[in-house]
Amino acid sequence: MQVYSKATIQFLKICKAKAKIILNDEMRLDYSRNRIKWKNYTLPLNFVVFEDEKSLGFFNHHLYQIGFNKRLLLLKDENILANVIRHELAHLETFLLYSGSVDDHGAEYREVCKSHNWNDEVYSSKIILEDKLPSLTECYKSHDKLKEKVKKLLSLSHSDNIHESHLATAKANELLLKFNLSHADLDEDETFLLKVMEGKRMNAKAKAIYEILTTFNVQPVFNHAKGYYYLEVIGARANVELADYVTSYLDKELDYLWELAKKENSKLKGMTAKNSFFRGVAIGYKEQITHVQQESFSTTDLIVLKKDLKVRVENVYSRLSYTTASRVKNHSLSSQIGKEMGKNLKIKKSLKNSKIIKLLR
């Protein structure tokens, strides 16, 4: 799950600056304006921060994307951070040379590292960092303690004792700089992005899931990579985690409802009927939720929710385009049956998500 906040944005600026030095000076590759020159081409290269207890970094060759674990944000050792960056950049170069036809940490990968005079701390598939980095839970605790400490220092900065005020202000600013925080970060809610679904070709079921997810106070986004599409969701942590569960649930439930509808009506046959049914379910479910929202929430409450989500989306995608639906063949009976089923569709709670499911109903 990717994380977006002022702190992570500042951290990525540091990572990009280090990556540019490594690419230009050590790897002899030109990197500027988020693009890297390779032979006669320029390729995009972007960086993100993610949450995970297992890995400290990744390289996604489909998106030319390098990710850094949020735990690295609190790392004090610049040499270790630089080696993590080198490790992922080596994956990038290996992919450019061999197009993914070799093992992730095989002989070819090691040769790439050796060609830049990088030692075992870089090319080992198990970079020895776990004893130097806090766990994700410890990371949150440390981050919360840090913010509380800075807040206390800032409150002391208003002391009538001039000496005490100056010392507190200086110490607070020192901590803010050291951990890449700003004053706004002290009360900031993080925004999260998670890939919840992918496939080779976009289909009506995926689009129906997209429409239903919009009722869970997240922004679903379709993206495309070479040879496949994927569906992401953006929002607050609890809503994104819920949307992930809802997607998995609907992926099976929509197929089950279609089979049920066919048993009850023999006229429902073919892809046109199936696609119309899925679209109908989405329309019916959204009508159900819209009705419940109007009864349970004030217009002001709904506007506040929409504004909060809009800000979160802009944290991730400053420019997000929306397309209108193209004309499709419609099976009116199948669509109507799907719509009625959608009006009665209930998302069953899982044990894992039972505490965070907050449907707008």
Protein backbone atom coordinates (compact mmCIF):
# COMPACT_ATOMS: atom_id res chain seq x y z
CA MET A 1 0.00 0.00 0.00
CA GLN A 2 1.47 3.32 -1.06
CA VAL A 3 1.55 6.24 1.39
CA TYR A 4 1.24 9.94 0.57
CA SER A 5 1.86 12.80 3.02
CA LYS A 6 4.02 15.89 3.29
CA ALA A 7 6.60 13.80 5.15
CA THR A 8 6.78 11.12 2.44
CA ILE A 9 6.91 13.75 -0.31
CA GLN A 10 9.89 15.38 1.41
CA PHE A 11 11.51 11.96 1.89
CA LEU A 12 11.10 11.18 -1.81
CA LYS A 13 12.81 14.46 -2.72
CA ILE A 14 15.84 13.23 -0.76
CA CYS A 15 15.66 9.81 -2.44
CA LYS A 16 15.39 11.35 -5.91
CA ALA A 17 18.37 13.60 -5.25
CA LYS A 18 20.46 10.61 -4.12
CA ALA A 19 19.23 8.52 -7.07
CA LYS A 20 20.20 11.26 -9.52
CA ILE A 21 23.75 11.36 -8.14
CA ILE A 22 24.05 7.56 -8.29
CA LEU A 23 22.63 7.39 -11.82
CA ASN A 24 24.74 10.22 -13.21
CA ASP A 25 28.03 9.71 -11.37
CA GLU A 26 28.20 5.96 -10.66
CA MET A 27 26.08 4.41 -13.41
CA ARG A 28 26.81 7.02 -16.10
CA LEU A 29 23.13 7.32 -16.95
CA ASP A 30 21.44 10.67 -17.50
CA TYR A 31 18.43 11.25 -15.24
CA SER A 32 16.46 14.47 -15.24
CA ARG A 33 12.83 15.57 -15.09
CA ASN A 34 11.75 12.11 -13.95
CA ARG A 35 13.12 10.46 -17.09
CA ILE A 36 16.19 8.35 -17.70
CA LYS A 37 18.11 8.14 -20.98
CA TRP A 38 18.77 4.61 -22.20
CA LYS A 39 20.46 4.19 -25.58
CA ASN A 40 18.22 6.08 -28.02
CA TYR A 41 15.23 6.28 -25.70
CA THR A 42 14.06 8.25 -22.69
CA LEU A 43 12.07 6.25 -20.15
CA PRO A 44 9.95 7.40 -17.20
CA LEU A 45 11.24 6.67 -13.71
CA ASN A 46 9.14 7.48 -10.66
CA PHE A 47 9.46 6.85 -6.95
CA VAL A 48 6.87 6.03 -4.27
CA VAL A 49 6.72 5.22 -0.55
CA PHE A 50 4.88 2.08 0.60
CA GLU A 51 4.03 0.13 3.74
CA ASP A 52 5.20 -3.47 4.13
CA GLU A 53 6.81 -5.60 6.84
CA LYS A 54 8.53 -7.86 4.29
CA SER A 55 10.49 -5.77 1.79
CA LEU A 56 12.41 -2.52 2.05
CA GLY A 57 12.18 -1.63 -1.62
CA PHE A 58 10.96 -2.80 -5.01
CA PHE A 59 11.32 -2.15 -8.73
CA ASN A 60 8.19 -2.52 -10.88
CA HIS A 61 9.28 -2.97 -14.50
CA HIS A 62 5.73 -2.57 -15.80
CA LEU A 63 5.53 0.99 -14.48
CA TYR A 64 9.26 1.86 -14.25
CA GLN A 65 8.57 2.53 -10.60
CA ILE A 66 10.87 2.24 -7.58
CA GLY A 67 9.36 1.98 -4.10
CA PHE A 68 10.88 2.64 -0.69
CA ASN A 69 9.52 1.28 2.58
CA LYS A 70 8.06 3.90 4.91
CA ARG A 71 10.31 2.49 7.62
CA LEU A 72 13.29 3.98 5.79
CA LEU A 73 11.86 7.45 6.46
CA LEU A 74 13.09 7.24 10.06
CA LEU A 75 16.49 5.84 9.07
CA LYS A 76 19.42 7.91 10.27
CA ASP A 77 22.14 6.19 8.22
CA GLU A 78 22.48 7.85 4.78
CA ASN A 79 24.86 5.12 3.55
CA ILE A 80 22.24 2.41 4.12
CA LEU A 81 19.58 4.44 2.33
CA ALA A 82 21.98 4.99 -0.59
CA ASN A 83 22.61 1.23 -0.81
CA VAL A 84 18.87 0.51 -0.89
CA ILE A 85 18.57 2.98 -3.78
CA ARG A 86 21.53 1.36 -5.56
CA HIS A 87 19.94 -2.08 -5.06
CA GLU A 88 16.72 -1.03 -6.80
CA LEU A 89 18.51 0.90 -9.55
CA ALA A 90 20.49 -2.26 -10.28
CA HIS A 91 17.18 -4.07 -10.82
CA LEU A 92 16.22 -1.30 -13.25
CA GLU A 93 19.44 -1.65 -15.26
CA THR A 94 19.22 -5.46 -15.26
CA PHE A 95 15.70 -5.23 -16.68
CA LEU A 96 16.83 -2.76 -19.35
CA LEU A 97 19.65 -5.13 -20.36
CA TYR A 98 17.78 -8.45 -20.22
CA SER A 99 14.04 -7.51 -20.40
CA GLY A 100 13.08 -9.60 -17.40
CA SER A 101 14.46 -12.87 -18.82
CA VAL A 102 16.87 -13.49 -15.90
CA ASP A 103 16.50 -14.18 -12.17
CA ASP A 104 15.95 -11.18 -9.89
CA HIS A 105 19.21 -11.70 -8.02
CA GLY A 106 21.02 -13.98 -10.43
CA ALA A 107 24.46 -13.80 -12.02
CA GLU A 108 23.46 -11.02 -14.43
CA TYR A 109 22.17 -8.85 -11.58
CA ARG A 110 25.39 -9.35 -9.62
CA GLU A 111 27.45 -8.45 -12.69
CA VAL A 112 25.55 -5.18 -13.03
CA CYS A 113 26.37 -4.36 -9.41
CA LYS A 114 30.03 -5.32 -9.81
CA SER A 115 30.32 -3.17 -12.94
CA HIS A 116 29.67 -0.16 -10.71
CA ASN A 117 32.01 -1.40 -7.96
CA TRP A 118 29.13 -2.08 -5.58
CA ASN A 119 29.79 -4.65 -2.87
CA ASP A 120 27.70 -7.33 -1.17
CA GLU A 121 25.80 -4.75 0.92
CA VAL A 122 24.19 -3.60 -2.34
CA TYR A 123 23.67 -6.73 -4.43
CA SER A 124 22.75 -9.18 -1.69
CA SER A 125 19.09 -10.17 -2.03
CA LYS A 126 18.93 -9.93 1.77
CA ILE A 127 20.31 -6.50 2.49
CA ILE A 128 21.23 -6.66 6.15
CA LEU A 129 19.04 -3.91 7.54
CA GLU A 130 16.44 -5.60 9.71
CA ASP A 131 18.52 -5.19 12.87
CA LYS A 132 18.90 -1.48 12.14
CA LEU A 133 15.32 -0.64 11.18
CA PRO A 134 12.24 -0.49 13.39
CA SER A 135 9.26 -2.70 12.58
CA LEU A 136 6.22 -1.06 11.02
CA THR A 137 4.48 -1.03 14.44
CA GLU A 138 7.57 0.47 16.07
CA CYS A 139 7.76 2.95 13.22
CA TYR A 140 4.27 4.24 13.99
CA LYS A 141 5.02 4.43 17.71
CA SER A 142 8.29 6.27 17.07
CA HIS A 143 6.61 8.65 14.65
CA ASP A 144 3.81 9.40 17.12
CA LYS A 145 6.30 9.92 19.96
CA LEU A 146 8.35 12.22 17.74
CA LYS A 147 5.32 14.33 16.86
CA GLU A 148 4.29 14.59 20.51
CA LYS A 149 7.82 15.61 21.46
CA VAL A 150 7.89 18.33 18.80
CA LYS A 151 4.46 19.58 19.89
CA LYS A 152 5.62 19.85 23.51
CA LEU A 153 8.74 21.72 22.43
CA LEU A 154 6.65 24.10 20.34
CA SER A 155 4.41 24.77 23.32
CA LEU A 156 7.51 25.57 25.40
CA SER A 157 8.61 27.97 22.68
CA HIS A 158 5.88 30.33 23.94
CA SER A 159 7.37 30.35 27.43
CA ASP A 160 7.92 33.70 29.18
CA ASN A 161 11.46 32.51 29.87
CA ILE A 162 13.31 33.79 26.79
CA HIS A 163 16.20 31.33 27.19
CA GLU A 164 13.83 28.37 27.52
CA SER A 165 11.76 29.62 24.56
CA HIS A 166 14.78 29.88 22.26
CA LEU A 167 16.13 26.45 23.24
CA ALA A 168 12.72 24.78 22.72
CA THR A 169 12.23 26.42 19.31
CA ALA A 170 15.72 25.44 18.18
CA LYS A 171 15.26 21.82 19.32
CA ALA A 172 11.82 21.53 17.69
CA ASN A 173 13.14 22.83 14.36
CA GLU A 174 16.13 20.50 14.61
CA LEU A 175 13.81 17.48 14.94
CA LEU A 176 11.58 18.67 12.11
CA LEU A 177 14.56 18.97 9.78
CA LYS A 178 16.16 15.73 10.93
CA PHE A 179 13.07 13.64 10.21
CA ASN A 180 11.88 15.51 7.11
CA LEU A 181 8.76 16.87 8.80
CA SER A 182 6.98 20.17 8.50
CA HIS A 183 4.70 21.89 11.01
CA ALA A 184 1.73 20.77 8.92
CA ASP A 185 2.77 17.12 9.32
CA LEU A 186 2.11 17.26 13.06
CA ASP A 187 -1.65 17.08 12.49
CA GLU A 188 -1.70 15.49 9.06
CA ASP A 189 -3.74 12.47 7.97
CA GLU A 190 -1.92 10.24 5.54
CA THR A 191 -3.41 9.27 2.19
CA PHE A 192 -3.11 5.71 0.93
CA LEU A 193 -3.17 4.11 -2.51
CA LEU A 194 -3.63 0.40 -3.07
CA LYS A 195 -3.96 -1.80 -6.15
CA VAL A 196 -7.06 -3.92 -5.54
CA MET A 197 -7.60 -5.63 -8.89
CA GLU A 198 -5.88 -6.35 -12.19
CA GLY A 199 -6.48 -8.23 -15.39
CA LYS A 200 -5.50 -8.58 -19.03
CA ARG A 201 -8.55 -6.82 -20.48
CA MET A 202 -11.00 -4.35 -19.01
CA ASN A 203 -14.48 -5.85 -18.66
CA ALA A 204 -17.96 -4.94 -17.47
CA LYS A 205 -17.49 -6.64 -14.10
CA ALA A 206 -14.40 -4.55 -13.32
CA LYS A 207 -16.28 -1.39 -14.31
CA ALA A 208 -19.21 -2.39 -12.10
CA ILE A 209 -16.85 -2.90 -9.16
CA TYR A 210 -15.37 0.54 -9.88
CA GLU A 211 -18.83 2.14 -9.69
CA ILE A 212 -19.74 0.35 -6.45
CA LEU A 213 -16.44 1.32 -4.82
CA THR A 214 -17.28 5.00 -5.31
CA THR A 215 -19.88 4.61 -2.53
CA PHE A 216 -17.19 3.67 0.02
CA ASN A 217 -15.58 7.13 0.23
CA VAL A 218 -12.59 6.15 -1.90
CA GLN A 219 -11.62 7.23 -5.40
CA PRO A 220 -11.13 4.22 -7.67
CA VAL A 221 -8.76 4.75 -10.59
CA PHE A 222 -8.19 2.58 -13.65
CA ASN A 223 -4.61 2.53 -14.92
CA HIS A 224 -2.95 0.67 -17.76
CA ALA A 225 0.46 -0.94 -18.09
CA LYS A 226 1.92 -3.01 -20.89
CA GLY A 227 -0.43 -5.92 -21.47
CA TYR A 228 -2.81 -5.41 -18.56
CA TYR A 229 -4.99 -3.00 -16.60
CA TYR A 230 -5.23 -2.49 -12.86
CA LEU A 231 -7.66 -0.84 -10.48
CA GLU A 232 -6.37 1.31 -7.62
CA VAL A 233 -8.21 3.02 -4.79
CA ILE A 234 -7.25 6.25 -3.00
CA GLY A 235 -8.43 7.38 0.43
CA ALA A 236 -7.96 7.15 4.18
CA ARG A 237 -6.40 3.94 5.52
CA ALA A 238 -9.62 2.36 6.86
CA ASN A 239 -11.56 3.12 3.67
CA VAL A 240 -8.79 1.79 1.40
CA GLU A 241 -8.49 -1.43 3.42
CA LEU A 242 -12.26 -1.82 3.28
CA ALA A 243 -12.31 -1.22 -0.48
CA ASP A 244 -9.71 -3.98 -0.90
CA TYR A 245 -12.00 -6.42 0.92
CA VAL A 246 -15.09 -5.23 -0.97
CA THR A 247 -13.32 -5.75 -4.31
CA SER A 248 -12.42 -9.34 -3.44
CA TYR A 249 -15.96 -9.96 -2.23
CA LEU A 250 -17.61 -8.47 -5.33
CA ASP A 251 -15.26 -10.28 -7.72
CA LYS A 252 -16.87 -13.57 -6.63
CA GLU A 253 -20.31 -12.29 -5.63
CA LEU A 254 -21.10 -10.73 -9.02
CA ASP A 255 -20.37 -14.04 -10.78
CA TYR A 256 -22.55 -15.86 -8.23
CA LEU A 257 -25.44 -13.42 -8.77
CA TRP A 258 -25.15 -13.83 -12.55
CA GLU A 259 -25.37 -17.62 -12.29
CA LEU A 260 -28.34 -17.22 -9.94
CA ALA A 261 -30.07 -14.85 -12.37
CA LYS A 262 -29.57 -17.29 -15.29
CA LYS A 263 -31.15 -20.12 -13.31
CA GLU A 264 -34.19 -17.99 -12.59
CA ASN A 265 -34.55 -16.68 -16.17
CA SER A 266 -33.61 -18.79 -19.21
CA LYS A 267 -33.59 -15.71 -21.49
CA LEU A 268 -30.32 -14.46 -19.99
CA LYS A 269 -27.65 -15.71 -22.39
CA GLY A 270 -24.48 -14.34 -23.99
CA MET A 271 -21.93 -11.64 -23.18
CA THR A 272 -24.28 -8.73 -23.92
CA ALA A 273 -26.72 -9.99 -21.30
CA LYS A 274 -23.92 -10.69 -18.82
CA ASN A 275 -22.32 -7.27 -19.22
CA SER A 276 -25.71 -5.56 -19.00
CA PHE A 277 -26.43 -7.50 -15.81
CA PHE A 278 -23.19 -6.33 -14.15
CA ARG A 279 -23.88 -2.72 -15.11
CA GLY A 280 -27.40 -3.07 -13.74
CA VAL A 281 -26.13 -4.39 -10.39
CA ALA A 282 -23.87 -1.36 -10.03
CA ILE A 283 -26.70 1.05 -10.86
CA GLY A 284 -29.04 -0.66 -8.40
CA TYR A 285 -26.50 -0.71 -5.59
CA LYS A 286 -25.62 2.97 -6.05
CA GLU A 287 -29.33 3.89 -6.01
CA GLN A 288 -29.71 1.92 -2.76
CA ILE A 289 -26.78 3.73 -1.12
CA THR A 290 -27.84 7.15 -2.42
CA HIS A 291 -31.25 6.66 -0.81
CA VAL A 292 -29.69 5.61 2.50
CA GLN A 293 -27.28 8.55 2.43
CA GLN A 294 -30.10 11.02 1.94
CA GLU A 295 -31.86 9.59 4.98
CA SER A 296 -28.80 9.24 7.22
CA PHE A 297 -26.53 12.17 6.33
CA SER A 298 -27.00 15.89 5.94
CA THR A 299 -25.95 17.57 2.71
CA THR A 300 -23.18 19.32 4.68
CA ASP A 301 -21.78 15.98 5.93
CA LEU A 302 -21.63 14.59 2.39
CA ILE A 303 -19.94 17.74 1.08
CA VAL A 304 -17.28 17.48 3.81
CA LEU A 305 -16.61 13.83 2.87
CA LYS A 306 -16.30 14.71 -0.81
CA LYS A 307 -13.95 17.63 -0.12
CA ASP A 308 -11.72 15.46 2.10
CA LEU A 309 -11.52 12.78 -0.60
CA LYS A 310 -10.80 15.38 -3.28
CA VAL A 311 -7.80 16.66 -1.28
CA ARG A 312 -6.52 13.08 -0.81
CA VAL A 313 -6.81 12.35 -4.53
CA GLU A 314 -4.89 15.54 -5.37
CA ASN A 315 -2.10 14.37 -3.00
CA VAL A 316 -1.64 11.32 -5.24
CA TYR A 317 -2.64 12.52 -8.71
CA SER A 318 -2.47 16.26 -9.21
CA ARG A 319 -4.21 15.75 -12.54
CA LEU A 320 -6.76 12.99 -12.81
CA SER A 321 -8.82 12.68 -15.99
CA TYR A 322 -12.33 11.26 -16.09
CA THR A 323 -13.86 9.71 -19.19
CA THR A 324 -17.52 9.30 -20.02
CA ALA A 325 -18.86 5.83 -20.72
CA SER A 326 -18.89 4.84 -24.38
CA ARG A 327 -21.98 3.39 -26.03
CA VAL A 328 -22.40 -0.33 -25.39
CA LYS A 329 -24.92 -2.95 -26.41
CA ASN A 330 -27.62 -3.33 -23.79
CA HIS A 331 -29.84 -6.25 -22.86
CA SER A 332 -32.76 -4.46 -21.20
CA LEU A 333 -34.18 -7.47 -19.32
CA SER A 334 -30.76 -8.49 -17.99
CA SER A 335 -30.03 -4.89 -16.98
CA GLN A 336 -33.33 -4.61 -15.08
CA ILE A 337 -32.81 -7.90 -13.25
CA GLY A 338 -29.27 -6.81 -12.32
CA LYS A 339 -30.59 -3.48 -11.08
CA GLU A 340 -33.09 -5.15 -8.77
CA MET A 341 -30.40 -7.48 -7.41
CA GLY A 342 -28.12 -4.49 -6.90
CA LYS A 343 -30.77 -2.74 -4.80
CA ASN A 344 -30.76 -5.74 -2.47
CA LEU A 345 -27.01 -6.40 -2.52
CA LYS A 346 -25.42 -6.43 0.94
CA ILE A 347 -21.65 -6.52 1.45
CA LYS A 348 -21.07 -9.17 4.09
CA LYS A 349 -18.53 -8.33 6.76
CA SER A 350 -15.37 -10.34 7.17
CA LEU A 351 -13.84 -10.95 10.61
CA LYS A 352 -10.79 -8.94 9.60
CA ASN A 353 -12.79 -5.90 8.44
CA SER A 354 -15.72 -6.06 10.87
CA LYS A 355 -14.38 -3.17 12.94
CA ILE A 356 -13.64 -0.84 10.05
CA ILE A 357 -16.63 -1.38 7.78
CA LYS A 358 -18.44 1.94 7.76
CA LEU A 359 -20.85 1.82 4.87
CA LEU A 360 -22.61 5.05 4.11
CA ARG A 361 -25.95 3.61 5.07
